[in-house]
Protein backbone atom coordinates (compact mmCIF):
# COMPACT_ATOMS: atom_id res chain seq x y z
CA MET A 1 -13.46 -11.14 -61.99
CA ALA A 2 -10.05 -10.12 -63.28
CA THR A 3 -7.53 -12.80 -63.99
CA PRO A 4 -4.45 -12.36 -61.81
CA ARG A 5 -1.36 -11.47 -63.77
CA SER A 6 1.40 -14.04 -63.69
CA GLN A 7 4.55 -12.86 -61.95
CA PRO A 8 7.75 -12.76 -63.98
CA PRO A 9 10.47 -15.08 -62.75
CA SER A 10 12.82 -13.51 -60.23
CA THR A 11 16.09 -12.25 -61.68
CA ALA A 12 17.72 -11.76 -58.28
CA ALA A 13 20.85 -13.79 -57.81
CA PRO A 14 20.60 -16.40 -55.04
CA LEU A 15 22.43 -15.47 -51.87
CA SER A 16 25.73 -17.29 -51.59
CA PRO A 17 26.23 -19.33 -48.42
CA ILE A 18 28.55 -18.13 -45.69
CA GLU A 19 31.39 -20.66 -45.54
CA PRO A 20 35.02 -20.78 -44.38
CA GLY A 21 37.31 -20.83 -47.37
CA ARG A 22 34.66 -19.15 -49.50
CA THR A 23 33.44 -16.04 -47.69
CA ARG A 24 35.96 -13.21 -47.32
CA ILE A 25 35.66 -11.35 -44.01
CA GLY A 26 36.84 -7.82 -43.28
CA TRP A 27 37.23 -6.47 -39.73
CA ILE A 28 37.81 -2.81 -38.83
CA GLY A 29 38.46 -2.05 -35.15
CA THR A 30 40.55 -4.38 -32.99
CA GLY A 31 40.19 -2.93 -29.51
CA ILE A 32 39.27 -4.87 -26.36
CA MET A 33 36.07 -6.25 -27.82
CA GLY A 34 36.90 -6.29 -31.51
CA ALA A 35 40.12 -8.28 -31.14
CA SER A 36 38.43 -11.07 -29.18
CA MET A 37 35.48 -11.21 -31.57
CA CYS A 38 37.69 -11.29 -34.64
CA THR A 39 39.81 -14.02 -33.07
CA ARG A 40 36.75 -16.23 -32.90
CA ILE A 41 35.97 -15.62 -36.58
CA LEU A 42 39.54 -16.60 -37.45
CA ALA A 43 39.33 -19.71 -35.27
CA ALA A 44 36.26 -20.81 -37.24
CA GLY A 45 38.42 -20.98 -40.36
CA PHE A 46 37.38 -17.80 -42.17
CA SER A 47 39.84 -15.71 -44.16
CA VAL A 48 39.98 -12.29 -42.48
CA THR A 49 41.53 -8.95 -43.44
CA VAL A 50 41.86 -6.53 -40.52
CA PHE A 51 42.54 -2.83 -39.99
CA ASN A 52 43.08 -0.73 -36.89
CA ARG A 53 44.18 2.91 -36.67
CA THR A 54 46.91 1.77 -34.27
CA ALA A 55 48.41 -0.99 -36.37
CA ALA A 56 50.18 -2.63 -33.42
CA LYS A 57 46.81 -3.55 -31.90
CA ALA A 58 46.05 -5.69 -34.95
CA GLN A 59 49.35 -7.59 -34.90
CA PRO A 60 48.14 -10.40 -32.59
CA LEU A 61 45.43 -11.14 -35.18
CA VAL A 62 47.98 -11.06 -37.98
CA ALA A 63 50.03 -13.56 -35.98
CA LEU A 64 46.95 -15.81 -35.92
CA GLY A 65 46.68 -15.68 -39.71
CA ALA A 66 44.75 -12.52 -40.53
CA ASN A 67 45.80 -10.30 -43.42
CA TYR A 68 46.45 -6.64 -42.65
CA GLY A 69 44.78 -3.99 -44.80
CA GLN A 70 46.46 -0.62 -45.12
CA SER A 71 43.17 1.29 -44.85
CA PRO A 72 39.42 0.74 -44.35
CA ALA A 73 39.09 1.05 -48.12
CA ASP A 74 41.54 -1.83 -48.64
CA VAL A 75 39.68 -4.01 -46.15
CA ALA A 76 36.30 -3.26 -47.73
CA ALA A 77 37.54 -4.05 -51.24
CA ALA A 78 38.61 -7.50 -50.02
CA SER A 79 35.38 -8.31 -48.15
CA ASP A 80 32.15 -10.16 -48.77
CA VAL A 81 31.14 -9.37 -45.17
CA LEU A 82 32.66 -6.32 -43.48
CA PHE A 83 32.49 -5.95 -39.68
CA THR A 84 33.15 -2.72 -37.80
CA MET A 85 33.66 -2.51 -34.03
CA LEU A 86 34.66 1.06 -33.25
CA ALA A 87 34.53 3.58 -30.43
CA LEU A 88 32.38 6.52 -31.52
CA PRO A 89 29.67 7.34 -34.07
CA SER A 90 32.16 9.74 -35.66
CA ASP A 91 34.55 6.80 -36.14
CA VAL A 92 31.76 4.77 -37.76
CA ARG A 93 30.87 7.62 -40.10
CA SER A 94 34.49 8.12 -41.12
CA ALA A 95 35.25 4.42 -41.58
CA LEU A 96 32.05 3.42 -43.37
CA LEU A 97 30.45 6.37 -45.15
CA ASP A 98 33.65 8.21 -46.02
CA THR A 99 35.95 5.29 -46.80
CA ALA A 100 34.81 1.67 -46.66
CA LEU A 101 31.34 1.56 -48.20
CA PRO A 102 32.35 3.31 -51.44
CA ASN A 103 34.87 0.47 -51.92
CA LEU A 104 32.68 -2.45 -50.80
CA PRO A 105 31.87 -4.82 -53.70
CA GLN A 106 28.24 -5.04 -54.80
CA ASN A 107 26.13 -7.64 -52.93
CA SER A 108 28.48 -7.46 -49.94
CA VAL A 109 27.22 -6.89 -46.40
CA SER A 110 28.38 -4.33 -43.84
CA VAL A 111 27.78 -5.26 -40.19
CA ASP A 112 28.35 -2.44 -37.69
CA MET A 113 28.67 -3.83 -34.17
CA THR A 114 29.55 -0.48 -32.60
CA THR A 115 27.05 1.03 -30.19
CA SER A 116 26.11 4.07 -32.23
CA GLU A 117 23.29 6.42 -33.20
CA PRO A 118 20.08 4.97 -34.65
CA ALA A 119 19.87 7.80 -37.19
CA LEU A 120 23.39 7.01 -38.39
CA ALA A 121 22.44 3.35 -38.81
CA LEU A 122 19.56 4.41 -41.05
CA GLU A 123 21.86 6.66 -43.06
CA ILE A 124 24.39 3.86 -43.52
CA ALA A 125 21.67 1.40 -44.58
CA SER A 126 20.39 3.84 -47.20
CA PHE A 127 23.91 4.58 -48.50
CA ALA A 128 24.72 0.87 -48.77
CA ALA A 129 21.47 0.06 -50.55
CA ALA A 130 22.16 2.75 -53.15
CA ARG A 131 25.43 0.97 -53.92
CA GLY A 132 23.86 -2.48 -54.20
CA CYS A 133 25.02 -3.62 -50.77
CA VAL A 134 23.32 -4.30 -47.44
CA ALA A 135 24.12 -2.67 -44.09
CA LEU A 136 23.08 -4.16 -40.76
CA ASP A 137 23.31 -2.58 -37.30
CA CYS A 138 24.23 -5.29 -34.79
CA PRO A 139 25.60 -3.86 -31.53
CA VAL A 140 26.41 -6.32 -28.77
CA SER A 141 26.26 -6.73 -25.00
CA GLY A 142 28.31 -8.99 -22.78
CA GLY A 143 31.59 -7.15 -22.31
CA ASP A 144 35.09 -8.53 -22.63
CA THR A 145 34.09 -11.88 -21.13
CA GLY A 146 31.29 -12.38 -23.64
CA ALA A 147 33.59 -11.38 -26.51
CA ARG A 148 36.24 -13.91 -25.48
CA ASN A 149 33.78 -16.73 -24.85
CA GLY A 150 31.44 -16.14 -27.79
CA THR A 151 28.45 -15.51 -25.52
CA LEU A 152 27.53 -11.98 -26.58
CA ALA A 153 23.93 -10.86 -27.01
CA ILE A 154 23.68 -9.47 -30.55
CA PHE A 155 20.91 -6.92 -31.22
CA ALA A 156 20.31 -7.13 -34.96
CA GLY A 157 18.62 -4.49 -37.10
CA GLY A 158 18.15 -4.58 -40.85
CA ASP A 159 17.24 -7.17 -43.47
CA GLU A 160 16.14 -10.32 -41.65
CA THR A 161 17.07 -12.63 -44.53
CA GLN A 162 20.63 -11.35 -44.50
CA ILE A 163 20.85 -11.66 -40.74
CA HIS A 164 19.83 -15.32 -40.96
CA ARG A 165 22.29 -15.82 -43.81
CA LEU A 166 25.13 -14.53 -41.62
CA GLY A 167 24.25 -17.09 -38.94
CA PRO A 168 27.54 -19.03 -39.27
CA LEU A 169 29.44 -15.84 -38.43
CA PHE A 170 27.16 -14.66 -35.66
CA LYS A 171 27.31 -18.15 -34.12
CA CYS A 172 31.01 -17.53 -33.47
CA LEU A 173 30.17 -14.44 -31.45
CA GLY A 174 27.00 -15.15 -29.50
CA THR A 175 23.23 -15.24 -29.83
CA VAL A 176 21.35 -13.09 -32.34
CA HIS A 177 18.14 -11.31 -31.36
CA TYR A 178 16.38 -9.84 -34.39
CA MET A 179 14.93 -6.48 -33.37
CA GLY A 180 13.46 -5.22 -36.67
CA GLY A 181 14.46 -2.90 -39.49
CA PRO A 182 17.49 -0.62 -39.81
CA GLY A 183 18.27 1.34 -36.66
CA LEU A 184 16.33 -0.93 -34.31
CA GLY A 185 19.41 -2.92 -33.38
CA GLN A 186 20.90 0.31 -32.08
CA GLN A 187 17.69 1.22 -30.26
CA ALA A 188 17.69 -2.16 -28.51
CA LYS A 189 21.31 -1.71 -27.42
CA LEU A 190 20.55 1.73 -26.02
CA GLY A 191 17.68 0.25 -24.01
CA ASN A 192 20.13 -2.38 -22.77
CA GLN A 193 22.52 0.35 -21.66
CA VAL A 194 19.73 2.12 -19.77
CA ALA A 195 19.10 -1.09 -17.82
CA ILE A 196 22.80 -1.61 -17.09
CA ALA A 197 23.32 1.99 -15.97
CA SER A 198 20.60 1.87 -13.34
CA THR A 199 21.65 -1.63 -12.25
CA MET A 200 25.25 -0.52 -11.78
CA VAL A 201 24.15 2.45 -9.65
CA GLY A 202 21.97 0.17 -7.53
CA MET A 203 24.72 -2.42 -7.11
CA VAL A 204 27.35 0.09 -6.01
CA GLU A 205 24.92 1.92 -3.72
CA SER A 206 24.11 -1.40 -2.02
CA LEU A 207 27.83 -1.97 -1.39
CA ILE A 208 28.23 1.53 0.07
CA TYR A 209 25.22 0.89 2.32
CA ALA A 210 26.50 -2.52 3.45
CA HIS A 211 29.93 -1.07 4.15
CA LYS A 212 28.50 1.77 6.25
CA ALA A 213 26.30 -0.73 8.11
CA GLY A 214 29.34 -2.77 9.12
CA LEU A 215 28.66 -5.86 6.99
CA HIS A 216 31.42 -8.04 5.58
CA LEU A 217 31.22 -7.16 1.91
CA GLY A 218 32.28 -10.52 0.48
CA THR A 219 29.64 -12.29 2.55
CA PHE A 220 27.08 -9.65 1.60
CA VAL A 221 27.72 -10.02 -2.14
CA ARG A 222 27.44 -13.82 -1.96
CA ALA A 223 24.21 -13.52 0.01
CA ILE A 224 22.40 -11.14 -2.34
CA ALA A 225 23.67 -12.82 -5.51
CA GLY A 226 21.30 -15.75 -4.99
CA GLY A 227 18.23 -13.62 -4.34
CA ALA A 228 16.14 -11.05 -6.16
CA ALA A 229 19.04 -8.56 -6.10
CA GLY A 230 21.23 -10.90 -8.14
CA SER A 231 22.16 -9.58 -11.56
CA ARG A 232 24.63 -10.03 -14.38
CA SER A 233 26.26 -6.76 -13.30
CA LEU A 234 26.77 -8.12 -9.79
CA GLU A 235 28.14 -11.38 -11.18
CA LEU A 236 30.61 -9.65 -13.51
CA HIS A 237 31.60 -6.67 -11.39
CA GLY A 238 30.87 -7.33 -7.71
CA SER A 239 34.10 -9.17 -6.99
CA ARG A 240 36.08 -6.76 -9.18
CA VAL A 241 34.84 -3.83 -7.10
CA LEU A 242 35.80 -5.55 -3.85
CA ARG A 243 39.29 -6.34 -5.21
CA ARG A 244 39.51 -2.77 -6.49
CA ASP A 245 40.16 -4.20 -9.93
CA MET A 246 39.28 -1.37 -12.28
CA GLU A 247 40.68 -2.97 -15.45
CA PRO A 248 38.21 -2.39 -18.27
CA GLY A 249 35.95 -4.88 -19.88
CA PHE A 250 34.06 -1.83 -21.10
CA ILE A 251 35.55 1.57 -20.44
CA VAL A 252 33.89 4.53 -18.76
CA GLU A 253 34.44 6.84 -21.75
CA HIS A 254 32.50 4.53 -24.04
CA PHE A 255 29.69 4.13 -21.50
CA VAL A 256 29.44 7.92 -21.20
CA LYS A 257 29.08 8.02 -24.98
CA ASP A 258 26.35 5.35 -24.96
CA LEU A 259 24.36 7.01 -22.18
CA GLY A 260 24.67 10.37 -23.93
CA ILE A 261 23.18 8.89 -27.11
CA ALA A 262 20.37 7.33 -25.05
CA LEU A 263 19.61 10.68 -23.39
CA ARG A 264 19.44 12.40 -26.77
CA GLU A 265 17.03 9.74 -27.97
CA CYS A 266 14.96 10.33 -24.84
CA GLU A 267 14.81 14.03 -25.66
CA ARG A 268 13.74 13.23 -29.22
CA MET A 269 11.00 10.88 -27.98
CA ALA A 270 9.95 13.17 -25.07
CA VAL A 271 10.78 10.45 -22.53
CA SER A 272 11.96 11.23 -18.99
CA LEU A 273 14.30 8.65 -17.41
CA PRO A 274 15.74 10.12 -14.19
CA GLY A 275 17.73 6.98 -13.35
CA LEU A 276 19.53 7.22 -16.67
CA ALA A 277 20.25 10.92 -16.11
CA LEU A 278 21.72 10.22 -12.66
CA ALA A 279 23.92 7.42 -13.95
CA GLN A 280 25.18 9.65 -16.75
CA GLN A 281 26.15 12.38 -14.27
CA LEU A 282 28.06 9.93 -12.09
CA TYR A 283 29.95 8.44 -15.03
CA VAL A 284 30.72 11.91 -16.41
CA SER A 285 32.23 12.75 -13.00
CA LEU A 286 34.60 9.78 -13.38
CA LYS A 287 35.71 11.07 -16.76
CA ALA A 288 36.22 14.55 -15.28
CA ASN A 289 38.48 13.00 -12.62
CA GLY A 290 40.71 11.38 -15.23
CA GLU A 291 39.17 7.94 -14.77
CA GLY A 292 37.59 7.61 -18.21
CA ARG A 293 39.81 4.69 -19.29
CA LEU A 294 38.85 2.53 -16.30
CA GLY A 295 36.15 -0.13 -16.44
CA THR A 296 32.54 0.74 -15.70
CA GLN A 297 32.85 -0.83 -12.24
CA ALA A 298 34.89 2.29 -11.36
CA LEU A 299 31.51 3.84 -10.59
CA VAL A 300 32.35 2.88 -7.01
CA LEU A 301 35.02 5.61 -6.99
CA ALA A 302 32.42 8.30 -7.72
CA LEU A 303 30.11 7.10 -4.95
CA GLU A 304 32.99 6.73 -2.51
CA ARG A 305 33.81 10.40 -3.13
CA VAL A 306 30.19 11.43 -2.63
CA ASN A 307 30.10 9.59 0.71
CA ASN A 308 33.69 10.35 1.81
CA THR A 309 34.39 6.67 2.35
CA ARG A 310 36.34 3.76 0.90
CA LEU A 311 35.04 0.22 0.72
CA SER A 312 36.86 -2.48 2.64
CA GLY A 313 38.33 -5.44 0.75
CA PRO A 314 36.70 -8.80 0.05
């Protein structure tokens, strides 16, 4: 029987702990979600350098103590952990692959929280690894309320050890769900969006039905909320729809983008999801009517047009 060879001692440097006053944080993208999330990181005592294409949107964070970087490259160079929360996959590619990652110090970690393409997440992970860094794909769900309150669901893909290491940062934002290797965080978020899309269609259709049947909509929403039809979408958006409050927690244009990515993944996997396809068509119609910057609850406008009706108030 062969004698097992002894293993040489590990030469890998131990991972440094994530601590306020020690760990430098970079944040690129300070829109509706990103600004609230970054605010919570600042409130936890971390030193943060921020960048946004529209500099004025980052000024409230600067007023709270953040440093302002003149470019994604500047932010990356000053970061041990670099977060991105952007609009489109093309924005992620430009910010990370073209600019930030080439300037990220070795052993640093890139955390993309944008809902993006799984294939792009794999490309970013490979690019980062070649430079001695780590890239994680960690998109989130929970909307503007979850971002403000630190109750987001975080779908994490990539190196599990690094994800656990970043726990003190993720704790500021919500609850981490480890989904597997690179790209699987994005896949989980797309599945989440499929569920939300069909739920939103069902919720709004139920309101149209109740309205046509002569029910008082406020009473109807309260009644179904406690039963099997209750949902997070109804909780977050039911009253907004009845007040005709279309202010965005998550805008239609971004949801159209997410559902489009999900449909392309369905095509790649030879999966047929007719509910997803219907939801996509309805949300695309909102964008075509100039309503792309409204919140996703604006779906009611599309179904009101289809049915030539308008819901009564609460």
